Amino acid sequence: MSVLRDSLIQLITETSTNLPPDVRRALKRAQWQEELGSRAALALNTILDNIVSAEEDVQPICQDTGMPTFLVKCPVGYNQLELEAEIKAAVAEATRMGKLRPNSVDPLTGKNSGDNLGPGTPVIHFSQWTHDEVEVRLILKGGGCENKNIQYSLPVELPGLGRANRDLDGIRKCILHAIYQAQGQGCSAGVIGVGIGGDRTSGYELAKEQLFRSLEDTNPNPVLAELESYIMQTANHLEIGTMGFGGRVTLLGCKIGAMNRLPASFFVSVAYNCWAFRRLGVVLDPQTGAVKRWLYKDQPEPVTRPEGGFDLTQAKVLRAPIREEDVRALRVGDVVLVEGEIHTGRDELHKYLVKHDAPVDLRGGVIYHCGPVMLKDEQGQWQVKAAGPTTSSREEPYQAEILEKFGVRAVIGKGGMGAKTLAGLQKTGAVYLNAIGGAAQYYARCIKRVKGVDFLEQFGIPEAMWHLEVAGFPAIVTMDAHGNSLHQEVEEHSLVKLEDLKEPVFV
C-alpha cells in the first residue's frame, strides 16, 4: 500500500470514528444548557457516551457514514488523476474494514456496489492553490440530515413567518424555517451551512462548503457575521431540542456564505448536518503522500463518559413477541427496554413487504429502522459494527399497512412518523419507539448476536433484513397506541415559536 493511500485511510477512519474538537465543545455546551433529567438531556448524554465508545473502539460514530465528500487543494502541476485513484482505493479499503458503510446504490437497478464506488461516488472537488502542499478535507454527511437540506427561491411564503422577500430579512426567515422543518428528523441538535445566491447547483455547493468552516470562527463579512450571530441566538427559541424531543438547544452552529446571482433568481440554499458532524482534514507532502499535519485538531477536547443516560429504574420491558395489552399500557414518554428478536427494515424492505410475504413470522414482532455496518469475522459469522436508527419518515407511506398486514407490535426508529402511521398504531395496537439517532455504538452494544439475514444479495447490507437478538435495548415511546405523538406536539409548539419571529429584524 502506498504512503498516500495509507494517509487517506487514516483520514477516513478518523473522520468516521472521532469527532473534531470544535464539535465536541459544542455538544458539551449543549449538555450544560439542558435541564437535568429532561428527554433532551438524556439524548445528549447518550450521544456523548456514544462518542467515547466510537473513539475507544475505533468504530463508526453513526452507522450512516453518508456520501464521502472530499475537498482537495493541490499545487499547480500536481497529478490529480493519481490522487483521485488513490482516494477511491482508500474509500474501498475503508469500506472493507468497516469504517464506512457501503452506501453507493445504482438509482435505476437499486444495486449496491458494496465498496462505495460508482458513478459520482465518492464526491471529489479539486482546486489549485499556490502552496507546495496538498490539502484534503473530508465530510461524512449521512442521508437523514441530507434529506433535510432545503432550497428557497425568493420571494416565498413560509409557514409561520409569512412572506420572505428578496432581502436580508427574507434570508433570515428562510434560515429559521430550514431549522424548523428539520425537526428531529435530521438528528438535531444540528449545524447548518447556508449559501446565498448563485444558481440552484452552485448555491447548494456553497452551502456545503460552509460546513468545512470551524464552528468557532468569525465570518469575515460583517453583515454575514451579524446574521450568523442572530441565528445562533434565536434558533433555540424554537425549542425543538435534541432528537426533536423538545429542549433548549436546537442548533450547534450556523455558517453562511454568499455569491453573486442572476437578476431573475434569488436562491437561499441550506445544508443541514446532524450532531454527528464528521469532518476532518489533512495536509499532505506532495512528494511522499505522508501526513504533515491534521486540520481541526489544534485544540484537543476529551469527552468523558457521562452519567445520567436512560433512567432504567422505571423502564418497562418489552419482550418479543410482544402482547397487544403490553403495548396498550404504554404512553408517550415511557422508557422501554426491548428484549428478544428484532428485525431491521428500511426503504427497500418496506416496499417489498407491501406486496409480498415476510420471510419470518412478524406477529408481535419489532421492526427496527436501521441500516447497520456489518462485517464477517474470521469464522465467517456476521458481527455488528454500528447500528443506530435511521430516519423513520421515509417509511411513512408503508408503515400502517405493514403493521396491520403482519401484526407488528413495535417500530423503532428516529424522528417520528406521520398521521397515517399514528392512526395505524392506534388501530392495530402498536407503538413507535424513538432511539437516539447517531448513537450507533451505544446500540451496537445491545445486540448480542446476528441470528440471520434475508435479501442481502438483493438489497445490499444497509437495506437487508437483519434478524438480531437484543438485550436491554433502550428507547422512548414517542407515538403510542392512543393517538398521542410527541413529534406532533413539538412541531406544533415550535410553529407557534416560529411565528414569534415573524416581524422584520434586518431592515
Protein backbone atom coordinates (compact mmCIF):
# COMPACT_ATOMS: atom_id res chain seq x y z
CA MET A 1 0.00 0.00 0.00
CA SER A 2 1.32 3.44 -0.90
CA VAL A 3 2.04 6.06 1.77
CA LEU A 4 -0.55 8.33 0.14
CA ARG A 5 -3.28 5.69 0.33
CA ASP A 6 -2.43 4.91 3.93
CA SER A 7 -2.70 8.62 4.77
CA LEU A 8 -6.12 8.77 3.12
CA ILE A 9 -7.31 5.67 5.00
CA GLN A 10 -6.20 7.36 8.23
CA LEU A 11 -8.25 10.42 7.28
CA ILE A 12 -11.36 8.35 6.52
CA THR A 13 -11.02 6.29 9.70
CA GLU A 14 -10.51 9.33 11.94
CA THR A 15 -13.40 11.20 10.33
CA SER A 16 -15.76 8.26 10.79
CA THR A 17 -14.80 7.42 14.36
CA ASN A 18 -13.56 10.57 16.08
CA LEU A 19 -15.49 13.86 16.22
CA PRO A 20 -13.38 17.03 15.87
CA PRO A 21 -12.76 19.18 18.97
CA ASP A 22 -14.97 22.11 17.95
CA VAL A 23 -17.98 19.80 17.58
CA ARG A 24 -17.23 18.12 20.91
CA ARG A 25 -17.13 21.52 22.63
CA ALA A 26 -20.45 22.50 21.08
CA LEU A 27 -22.09 19.28 22.28
CA LYS A 28 -20.72 19.73 25.79
CA ARG A 29 -22.08 23.27 25.90
CA ALA A 30 -25.45 21.92 24.80
CA GLN A 31 -25.35 19.33 27.57
CA TRP A 32 -24.74 22.04 30.20
CA GLN A 33 -27.71 24.06 28.94
CA GLU A 34 -30.33 21.31 29.05
CA GLU A 35 -32.46 20.71 32.11
CA LEU A 36 -31.17 17.80 34.15
CA GLY A 37 -33.33 14.72 33.69
CA SER A 38 -35.14 16.04 30.60
CA ARG A 39 -35.53 13.95 27.45
CA ALA A 40 -33.10 16.27 25.66
CA ALA A 41 -30.50 15.83 28.42
CA LEU A 42 -30.97 12.05 28.25
CA ALA A 43 -30.39 12.15 24.49
CA LEU A 44 -27.25 14.31 24.81
CA ASN A 45 -25.79 12.06 27.50
CA THR A 46 -26.37 9.07 25.24
CA ILE A 47 -24.70 10.93 22.37
CA LEU A 48 -21.62 11.75 24.48
CA ASP A 49 -21.45 8.15 25.69
CA ASN A 50 -21.54 7.04 22.06
CA ILE A 51 -18.72 9.44 21.12
CA VAL A 52 -16.49 7.91 23.81
CA SER A 53 -17.27 4.35 22.64
CA ALA A 54 -16.61 5.17 18.98
CA GLU A 55 -13.26 6.74 19.79
CA GLU A 56 -12.18 3.92 22.12
CA ASP A 57 -13.20 1.12 19.75
CA VAL A 58 -12.27 2.96 16.51
CA GLN A 59 -15.72 2.23 15.10
CA PRO A 60 -18.16 4.49 13.20
CA ILE A 61 -19.86 7.12 15.36
CA CYS A 62 -23.01 6.67 13.27
CA GLN A 63 -23.82 3.70 11.06
CA ASP A 64 -24.76 6.05 8.21
CA THR A 65 -21.36 7.19 7.01
CA GLY A 66 -23.08 9.09 4.23
CA MET A 67 -21.63 10.21 0.92
CA PRO A 68 -17.85 10.69 1.34
CA THR A 69 -17.16 14.20 0.05
CA PHE A 70 -13.57 15.39 -0.43
CA LEU A 71 -12.37 18.97 -0.97
CA VAL A 72 -8.83 18.86 -2.36
CA LYS A 73 -6.38 21.70 -2.95
CA CYS A 74 -3.28 20.88 -4.99
CA PRO A 75 -0.15 22.71 -6.18
CA VAL A 76 -0.05 23.66 -9.85
CA GLY A 77 1.08 20.64 -11.85
CA TYR A 78 0.18 18.04 -9.24
CA ASN A 79 -1.17 14.76 -10.65
CA GLN A 80 -4.85 14.95 -9.75
CA LEU A 81 -5.70 11.77 -11.64
CA GLU A 82 -3.35 9.76 -9.44
CA LEU A 83 -4.75 11.32 -6.27
CA GLU A 84 -8.33 10.59 -7.41
CA ALA A 85 -7.41 6.95 -7.98
CA GLU A 86 -5.83 6.73 -4.51
CA ILE A 87 -8.88 8.35 -2.87
CA LYS A 88 -11.15 5.78 -4.49
CA ALA A 89 -8.87 2.92 -3.47
CA ALA A 90 -8.79 4.26 0.10
CA VAL A 91 -12.59 4.55 0.19
CA ALA A 92 -12.95 0.95 -0.98
CA GLU A 93 -10.44 -0.28 1.62
CA ALA A 94 -12.08 1.70 4.44
CA THR A 95 -15.40 0.14 3.45
CA ARG A 96 -13.88 -3.34 3.58
CA MET A 97 -12.53 -2.50 7.06
CA GLY A 98 -15.98 -1.45 8.30
CA LYS A 99 -15.08 2.23 8.77
CA LEU A 100 -17.56 3.17 6.03
CA ARG A 101 -20.92 1.55 5.32
CA PRO A 102 -21.45 0.57 1.69
CA ASN A 103 -23.71 3.42 0.55
CA SER A 104 -23.30 3.66 -3.22
CA VAL A 105 -26.50 2.50 -4.92
CA ASP A 106 -27.40 2.45 -8.62
CA PRO A 107 -30.50 4.67 -8.93
CA LEU A 108 -32.01 2.56 -11.73
CA THR A 109 -31.38 -1.01 -10.56
CA GLY A 110 -31.13 -0.41 -6.80
CA LYS A 111 -27.92 -2.47 -6.75
CA ASN A 112 -25.42 -1.58 -4.02
CA SER A 113 -21.84 -1.57 -5.33
CA GLY A 114 -20.63 -2.86 -1.97
CA ASP A 115 -17.48 -0.73 -1.90
CA ASN A 116 -18.77 2.87 -2.00
CA LEU A 117 -17.55 3.25 -5.57
CA GLY A 118 -19.64 4.06 -8.63
CA PRO A 119 -20.59 6.95 -10.89
CA GLY A 120 -20.43 10.07 -8.72
CA THR A 121 -19.22 8.18 -5.65
CA PRO A 122 -17.23 9.39 -3.79
CA VAL A 123 -17.62 13.12 -4.43
CA ILE A 124 -14.26 14.82 -5.07
CA HIS A 125 -13.83 18.56 -5.69
CA PHE A 126 -10.37 19.67 -6.88
CA SER A 127 -8.93 23.17 -6.90
CA GLN A 128 -5.41 24.57 -7.24
CA TRP A 129 -3.53 26.87 -4.92
CA THR A 130 -0.04 28.40 -4.67
CA HIS A 131 1.16 26.36 -1.68
CA ASP A 132 3.56 23.43 -2.12
CA GLU A 133 1.29 21.13 -0.15
CA VAL A 134 -1.79 19.01 -0.77
CA GLU A 135 -4.79 19.68 1.46
CA VAL A 136 -7.56 17.09 1.68
CA ARG A 137 -10.72 17.74 3.67
CA LEU A 138 -13.44 15.14 4.14
CA ILE A 139 -17.02 15.32 5.33
CA LEU A 140 -19.26 12.31 6.00
CA LYS A 141 -22.82 13.62 5.87
CA GLY A 142 -25.49 10.99 6.46
CA GLY A 143 -28.68 10.56 4.45
CA GLY A 144 -31.01 11.53 7.30
CA CYS A 145 -29.63 15.06 7.52
CA GLU A 146 -29.01 15.22 3.76
CA ASN A 147 -32.75 14.74 3.25
CA LYS A 148 -33.41 17.86 5.35
CA ASN A 149 -31.38 20.11 3.04
CA ILE A 150 -33.68 22.70 1.56
CA GLN A 151 -33.54 25.45 -1.06
CA TYR A 152 -35.74 28.54 -1.27
CA SER A 153 -36.47 30.75 -4.28
CA LEU A 154 -37.32 34.24 -3.07
CA PRO A 155 -39.84 35.71 -2.70
CA VAL A 156 -41.70 32.85 -0.99
CA GLU A 157 -44.46 32.39 1.57
CA LEU A 158 -43.25 30.46 4.64
CA PRO A 159 -45.42 28.81 7.31
CA GLY A 160 -45.38 30.86 10.49
CA LEU A 161 -43.18 33.57 9.01
CA GLY A 162 -45.19 34.96 6.12
CA ARG A 163 -43.52 36.38 3.03
CA ALA A 164 -39.76 36.19 2.70
CA ASN A 165 -38.68 38.97 0.36
CA ARG A 166 -35.51 39.32 -1.70
CA ASP A 167 -33.55 40.96 1.08
CA LEU A 168 -31.54 40.18 4.20
CA ASP A 169 -34.66 39.74 6.31
CA GLY A 170 -36.06 37.29 3.76
CA ILE A 171 -32.82 35.31 4.06
CA ARG A 172 -33.22 35.35 7.85
CA LYS A 173 -36.71 33.87 7.54
CA CYS A 174 -35.53 31.13 5.19
CA ILE A 175 -32.79 30.04 7.60
CA LEU A 176 -35.19 29.91 10.54
CA HIS A 177 -37.71 27.92 8.50
CA ALA A 178 -34.96 25.49 7.44
CA ILE A 179 -34.21 24.77 11.10
CA TYR A 180 -37.91 24.41 11.90
CA GLN A 181 -38.64 21.98 9.05
CA ALA A 182 -35.79 19.67 10.04
CA GLN A 183 -37.35 18.97 13.46
CA GLY A 184 -35.70 15.83 14.89
CA GLN A 185 -35.50 14.00 11.57
CA GLY A 186 -32.01 15.30 10.85
CA CYS A 187 -30.71 14.25 14.28
CA SER A 188 -30.82 17.64 15.95
CA ALA A 189 -29.15 19.49 17.51
CA GLY A 190 -27.64 20.25 14.12
CA VAL A 191 -25.32 22.52 12.18
CA ILE A 192 -26.36 24.44 9.08
CA GLY A 193 -24.37 25.73 6.15
CA VAL A 194 -26.11 28.43 4.12
CA GLY A 195 -25.41 29.54 0.57
CA ILE A 196 -26.93 32.85 -0.55
CA GLY A 197 -27.14 33.48 -4.28
CA GLY A 198 -25.61 31.52 -7.13
CA ASP A 199 -27.75 29.17 -9.21
CA ARG A 200 -29.53 26.06 -7.93
CA THR A 201 -26.40 23.92 -8.16
CA SER A 202 -23.72 26.37 -7.04
CA GLY A 203 -25.94 27.58 -4.17
CA TYR A 204 -26.04 24.10 -2.66
CA GLU A 205 -22.30 23.66 -3.22
CA LEU A 206 -21.65 26.94 -1.40
CA ALA A 207 -23.91 25.83 1.45
CA LYS A 208 -21.99 22.57 1.88
CA GLU A 209 -18.65 24.38 1.69
CA GLN A 210 -19.66 26.35 4.78
CA LEU A 211 -19.74 23.09 6.74
CA PHE A 212 -15.96 22.87 6.35
CA ARG A 213 -15.53 26.01 8.45
CA SER A 214 -14.76 25.79 12.16
CA LEU A 215 -17.77 26.23 14.41
CA GLU A 216 -15.72 28.78 16.33
CA ASP A 217 -14.58 31.06 13.50
CA THR A 218 -15.93 34.54 12.72
CA ASN A 219 -17.28 35.34 9.28
CA PRO A 220 -15.02 37.94 7.59
CA ASN A 221 -18.10 39.59 6.11
CA PRO A 222 -19.56 41.73 8.95
CA VAL A 223 -23.12 41.50 7.58
CA LEU A 224 -22.96 37.71 7.45
CA ALA A 225 -21.22 37.59 10.83
CA GLU A 226 -24.15 39.50 12.34
CA LEU A 227 -26.64 37.18 10.68
CA GLU A 228 -24.81 34.08 11.93
CA SER A 229 -24.79 35.50 15.46
CA TYR A 230 -28.50 36.31 15.26
CA ILE A 231 -29.40 32.81 14.08
CA MET A 232 -27.36 31.19 16.86
CA GLN A 233 -29.05 33.39 19.47
CA THR A 234 -32.53 32.90 18.04
CA ALA A 235 -32.82 29.34 16.72
CA ASN A 236 -33.02 27.78 20.16
CA HIS A 237 -36.15 29.84 20.77
CA LEU A 238 -37.93 27.22 18.64
CA GLU A 239 -37.44 24.65 21.44
CA ILE A 240 -37.19 21.69 19.06
CA GLY A 241 -34.31 20.29 21.06
CA THR A 242 -32.07 17.27 20.68
CA MET A 243 -33.72 14.50 18.63
CA GLY A 244 -36.79 16.72 18.34
CA PHE A 245 -37.74 15.83 21.92
CA GLY A 246 -38.17 19.50 22.86
CA GLY A 247 -35.46 21.36 24.73
CA ARG A 248 -33.24 24.39 24.98
CA VAL A 249 -30.66 23.57 22.29
CA THR A 250 -31.71 23.07 18.67
CA LEU A 251 -28.69 24.41 16.77
CA LEU A 252 -24.95 23.88 17.31
CA GLY A 253 -23.64 26.06 14.51
CA CYS A 254 -24.58 28.34 11.60
CA LYS A 255 -22.16 29.26 8.81
CA ILE A 256 -23.17 31.46 5.88
CA GLY A 257 -21.58 32.31 2.53
CA ALA A 258 -22.73 34.46 -0.38
CA MET A 259 -22.06 34.67 -4.11
CA ASN A 260 -23.47 36.76 -6.93
CA ARG A 261 -26.73 35.70 -8.55
CA LEU A 262 -28.72 36.30 -11.69
CA PRO A 263 -31.20 39.19 -11.58
CA ALA A 264 -34.06 36.75 -12.15
CA SER A 265 -33.02 34.27 -9.42
CA PHE A 266 -32.60 34.63 -5.68
CA PHE A 267 -31.82 31.30 -4.02
CA VAL A 268 -31.15 30.58 -0.36
CA SER A 269 -29.72 27.08 -0.04
CA VAL A 270 -29.37 25.34 3.32
CA ALA A 271 -27.28 22.23 4.02
CA TYR A 272 -28.39 20.67 7.29
CA ASN A 273 -25.93 18.48 9.20
CA CYS A 274 -26.69 16.28 12.19
CA TRP A 275 -24.97 16.42 15.58
CA ALA A 276 -22.56 13.72 14.29
CA PHE A 277 -20.72 16.45 12.39
CA ARG A 278 -17.93 14.33 10.93
CA ARG A 279 -15.39 16.41 9.05
CA LEU A 280 -11.62 16.45 9.28
CA GLY A 281 -8.68 17.28 7.06
CA VAL A 282 -5.01 16.60 6.46
CA VAL A 283 -2.14 18.43 4.81
CA LEU A 284 0.00 16.01 2.81
CA ASP A 285 3.54 16.09 1.49
CA PRO A 286 3.07 16.23 -2.31
CA GLN A 287 6.13 14.06 -2.94
CA THR A 288 5.63 11.28 -0.37
CA GLY A 289 1.91 11.49 0.44
CA ALA A 290 2.68 11.45 4.17
CA VAL A 291 0.56 13.43 6.63
CA LYS A 292 2.32 16.66 7.59
CA ARG A 293 -0.43 17.91 9.93
CA TRP A 294 -4.09 17.49 10.76
CA LEU A 295 -6.79 20.13 10.38
CA TYR A 296 -9.47 20.91 13.01
CA LYS A 297 -7.39 19.18 15.72
CA ASP A 298 -5.42 22.12 17.09
CA GLN A 299 -7.19 22.10 20.50
CA PRO A 300 -7.99 18.57 21.72
CA GLU A 301 -11.30 18.23 23.56
CA PRO A 302 -11.59 14.97 25.52
CA VAL A 303 -15.06 13.67 26.31
CA THR A 304 -15.65 11.53 29.38
CA ARG A 305 -18.46 9.01 29.60
CA PRO A 306 -21.32 10.93 31.24
CA GLU A 307 -23.73 9.87 33.93
CA GLY A 308 -27.46 10.44 33.61
CA GLY A 309 -28.40 8.50 30.49
CA PHE A 310 -31.55 6.43 30.29
CA ASP A 311 -33.21 6.04 33.70
CA LEU A 312 -33.88 2.32 33.61
CA THR A 313 -35.27 2.04 37.14
CA GLN A 314 -38.80 2.69 35.83
CA ALA A 315 -38.28 1.23 32.35
CA LYS A 316 -40.87 -1.18 31.03
CA VAL A 317 -39.61 -4.36 29.41
CA LEU A 318 -40.98 -5.32 26.02
CA ARG A 319 -40.06 -8.90 25.21
CA ALA A 320 -40.65 -10.04 21.63
CA PRO A 321 -43.08 -11.38 20.59
CA ILE A 322 -44.93 -8.54 22.31
CA ARG A 323 -48.52 -8.79 23.51
CA GLU A 324 -51.06 -6.16 22.46
CA GLU A 325 -52.08 -5.48 26.07
CA ASP A 326 -48.47 -4.60 26.92
CA VAL A 327 -48.40 -2.06 24.11
CA ARG A 328 -51.79 -0.58 25.03
CA ALA A 329 -50.45 0.04 28.54
CA LEU A 330 -47.69 2.35 27.22
CA ARG A 331 -47.91 6.12 26.99
CA VAL A 332 -45.78 8.80 25.30
CA GLY A 333 -42.73 9.47 27.46
CA ASP A 334 -42.34 5.94 28.80
CA VAL A 335 -38.84 4.45 28.66
CA VAL A 336 -38.78 0.84 27.48
CA LEU A 337 -36.20 -1.90 27.22
CA VAL A 338 -36.62 -4.19 24.22
CA GLU A 339 -35.60 -7.82 24.64
CA GLY A 340 -35.51 -10.71 22.19
CA GLU A 341 -35.51 -10.75 18.41
CA ILE A 342 -35.87 -7.62 16.29
CA HIS A 343 -35.73 -7.25 12.51
CA THR A 344 -34.12 -4.37 10.61
CA GLY A 345 -36.15 -2.86 7.80
CA ARG A 346 -35.67 0.24 5.69
CA ASP A 347 -36.96 1.58 2.38
CA GLU A 348 -36.47 -1.48 0.18
CA LEU A 349 -37.87 -3.93 2.70
CA HIS A 350 -40.98 -1.87 3.41
CA LYS A 351 -41.69 -1.51 -0.28
CA TYR A 352 -41.23 -5.27 -0.71
CA LEU A 353 -43.42 -6.30 2.24
CA VAL A 354 -46.40 -4.34 0.96
CA LYS A 355 -46.73 -6.82 -1.93
CA HIS A 356 -45.05 -9.95 -0.57
CA ASP A 357 -44.99 -12.23 2.46
CA ALA A 358 -42.30 -11.76 5.09
CA PRO A 359 -39.52 -14.35 5.30
CA VAL A 360 -40.14 -14.66 9.07
CA ASP A 361 -43.18 -14.50 11.33
CA LEU A 362 -43.62 -10.86 12.38
CA ARG A 363 -46.65 -11.31 14.64
CA GLY A 364 -45.90 -9.48 17.87
CA GLY A 365 -42.56 -8.54 16.35
CA VAL A 366 -40.33 -5.47 16.25
CA ILE A 367 -39.14 -3.69 13.11
CA TYR A 368 -36.03 -1.57 13.56
CA HIS A 369 -35.47 1.22 11.05
CA CYS A 370 -31.73 0.65 10.79
CA GLY A 371 -29.07 0.08 8.15
CA PRO A 372 -26.18 -1.36 10.18
CA VAL A 373 -22.49 -1.63 9.45
CA MET A 374 -21.77 -5.38 9.29
CA LEU A 375 -18.55 -7.36 8.91
CA LYS A 376 -17.80 -11.06 8.89
CA ASP A 377 -15.27 -12.31 11.45
CA GLU A 378 -12.60 -14.95 10.88
CA GLN A 379 -15.15 -17.70 11.49
CA GLY A 380 -17.44 -16.30 8.83
CA GLN A 381 -20.00 -15.02 11.34
CA TRP A 382 -21.62 -11.62 10.93
CA GLN A 383 -20.69 -9.02 13.54
CA VAL A 384 -22.49 -5.71 14.12
CA LYS A 385 -20.07 -2.78 13.99
CA ALA A 386 -22.58 0.08 14.16
CA ALA A 387 -26.37 0.03 14.47
CA GLY A 388 -28.17 3.26 15.30
CA PRO A 389 -31.64 4.16 13.99
CA THR A 390 -32.35 5.70 10.61
CA THR A 391 -34.93 8.41 9.89
CA SER A 392 -38.38 6.86 10.02
CA SER A 393 -40.29 9.39 7.90
CA ARG A 394 -39.24 7.59 4.70
CA GLU A 395 -41.34 4.59 5.77
CA GLU A 396 -44.50 6.66 6.30
CA PRO A 397 -46.15 5.52 3.02
CA TYR A 398 -45.87 1.86 4.05
CA GLN A 399 -45.81 1.54 7.83
CA ALA A 400 -49.52 1.44 8.72
CA GLU A 401 -50.21 -1.19 6.07
CA ILE A 402 -47.36 -3.36 7.30
CA LEU A 403 -48.47 -3.05 10.93
CA GLU A 404 -51.91 -4.40 10.04
CA LYS A 405 -50.78 -6.99 7.48
CA PHE A 406 -48.16 -8.67 9.67
CA GLY A 407 -49.28 -7.91 13.24
CA VAL A 408 -46.13 -5.95 14.09
CA ARG A 409 -46.30 -4.55 17.64
CA ALA A 410 -43.38 -2.11 17.78
CA VAL A 411 -41.41 0.07 15.40
CA ILE A 412 -38.04 1.51 16.44
CA GLY A 413 -36.59 4.49 14.60
CA LYS A 414 -35.82 8.18 14.95
CA GLY A 415 -37.55 11.43 14.14
CA GLY A 416 -41.08 10.10 14.40
CA MET A 417 -43.72 9.36 11.77
CA GLY A 418 -46.86 10.98 10.43
CA ALA A 419 -50.62 10.89 10.79
CA LYS A 420 -51.10 7.73 8.72
CA THR A 421 -48.77 5.71 10.92
CA LEU A 422 -50.20 7.25 14.10
CA ALA A 423 -53.67 6.08 13.06
CA GLY A 424 -52.23 2.66 12.24
CA LEU A 425 -50.64 2.36 15.69
CA GLN A 426 -53.95 3.18 17.32
CA LYS A 427 -55.93 0.76 15.13
CA THR A 428 -53.64 -2.25 15.47
CA GLY A 429 -52.29 -1.77 18.98
CA ALA A 430 -48.70 -0.93 18.14
CA VAL A 431 -46.14 1.60 19.36
CA TYR A 432 -43.38 3.78 17.93
CA LEU A 433 -40.14 3.83 19.92
CA ASN A 434 -37.60 6.61 19.35
CA ALA A 435 -33.99 5.52 19.73
CA ILE A 436 -31.22 8.14 19.86
CA GLY A 437 -30.14 8.98 16.32
CA GLY A 438 -26.47 8.55 15.53
CA ALA A 439 -25.76 6.52 18.68
CA ALA A 440 -24.53 3.60 16.62
CA GLN A 441 -22.02 2.23 19.14
CA TYR A 442 -24.39 2.66 22.08
CA TYR A 443 -26.98 0.46 20.40
CA ALA A 444 -24.48 -1.97 18.90
CA ARG A 445 -23.61 -2.95 22.48
CA CYS A 446 -27.23 -4.04 22.97
CA ILE A 447 -27.09 -6.53 20.09
CA LYS A 448 -25.96 -9.89 21.36
CA ARG A 449 -25.87 -11.84 18.12
CA VAL A 450 -26.92 -11.90 14.49
CA LYS A 451 -29.47 -14.68 14.03
CA GLY A 452 -29.72 -14.40 10.27
CA VAL A 453 -30.27 -12.19 7.27
CA ASP A 454 -32.64 -12.04 4.28
CA PHE A 455 -32.39 -10.11 1.00
CA LEU A 456 -28.67 -9.47 1.40
CA GLU A 457 -27.81 -10.06 -2.25
CA GLN A 458 -30.96 -8.36 -3.46
CA PHE A 459 -30.83 -5.20 -1.34
CA GLY A 460 -27.27 -4.90 0.00
CA ILE A 461 -26.09 -4.58 3.61
CA PRO A 462 -27.93 -1.38 4.66
CA GLU A 463 -31.30 -2.42 3.20
CA ALA A 464 -31.18 -6.14 4.03
CA MET A 465 -33.46 -7.63 6.70
CA TRP A 466 -31.14 -8.50 9.58
CA HIS A 467 -32.53 -10.66 12.40
CA LEU A 468 -30.89 -9.55 15.63
CA GLU A 469 -31.10 -10.74 19.21
CA VAL A 470 -31.03 -7.77 21.60
CA ALA A 471 -30.95 -7.29 25.35
CA GLY A 472 -31.55 -4.09 27.29
CA PHE A 473 -32.20 -2.03 24.14
CA PRO A 474 -33.50 1.34 25.46
CA ALA A 475 -35.85 3.71 23.66
CA ILE A 476 -38.57 6.25 24.41
CA VAL A 477 -42.24 5.93 23.48
CA THR A 478 -42.93 8.96 21.31
CA MET A 479 -46.05 7.68 19.49
CA ASP A 480 -48.43 5.44 21.41
CA ALA A 481 -51.48 3.31 20.64
CA HIS A 482 -53.84 6.01 21.93
CA GLY A 483 -53.28 8.61 19.21
CA ASN A 484 -50.61 10.63 21.04
CA SER A 485 -47.43 11.84 19.31
CA LEU A 486 -44.58 13.77 20.92
CA HIS A 487 -43.35 14.69 17.44
CA GLN A 488 -46.65 16.30 16.50
CA GLU A 489 -46.69 18.14 19.82
CA VAL A 490 -43.16 19.53 19.40
CA GLU A 491 -43.78 20.51 15.78
CA GLU A 492 -46.96 22.40 16.68
CA HIS A 493 -45.24 24.11 19.61
CA SER A 494 -42.22 25.11 17.51
CA LEU A 495 -44.52 26.55 14.83
CA VAL A 496 -46.02 28.86 17.44
CA LYS A 497 -42.49 29.84 18.46
CA LEU A 498 -41.60 30.42 14.80
CA GLU A 499 -44.48 32.87 14.49
CA ASP A 500 -42.87 34.93 17.28
CA LEU A 501 -40.01 35.61 14.86
CA LYS A 502 -42.17 36.90 12.01
CA GLU A 503 -41.52 40.62 12.45
CA PRO A 504 -38.58 42.10 10.47
CA VAL A 505 -35.20 42.28 12.19
CA PHE A 506 -32.92 43.42 9.35
CA VAL A 507 -34.41 46.42 7.55
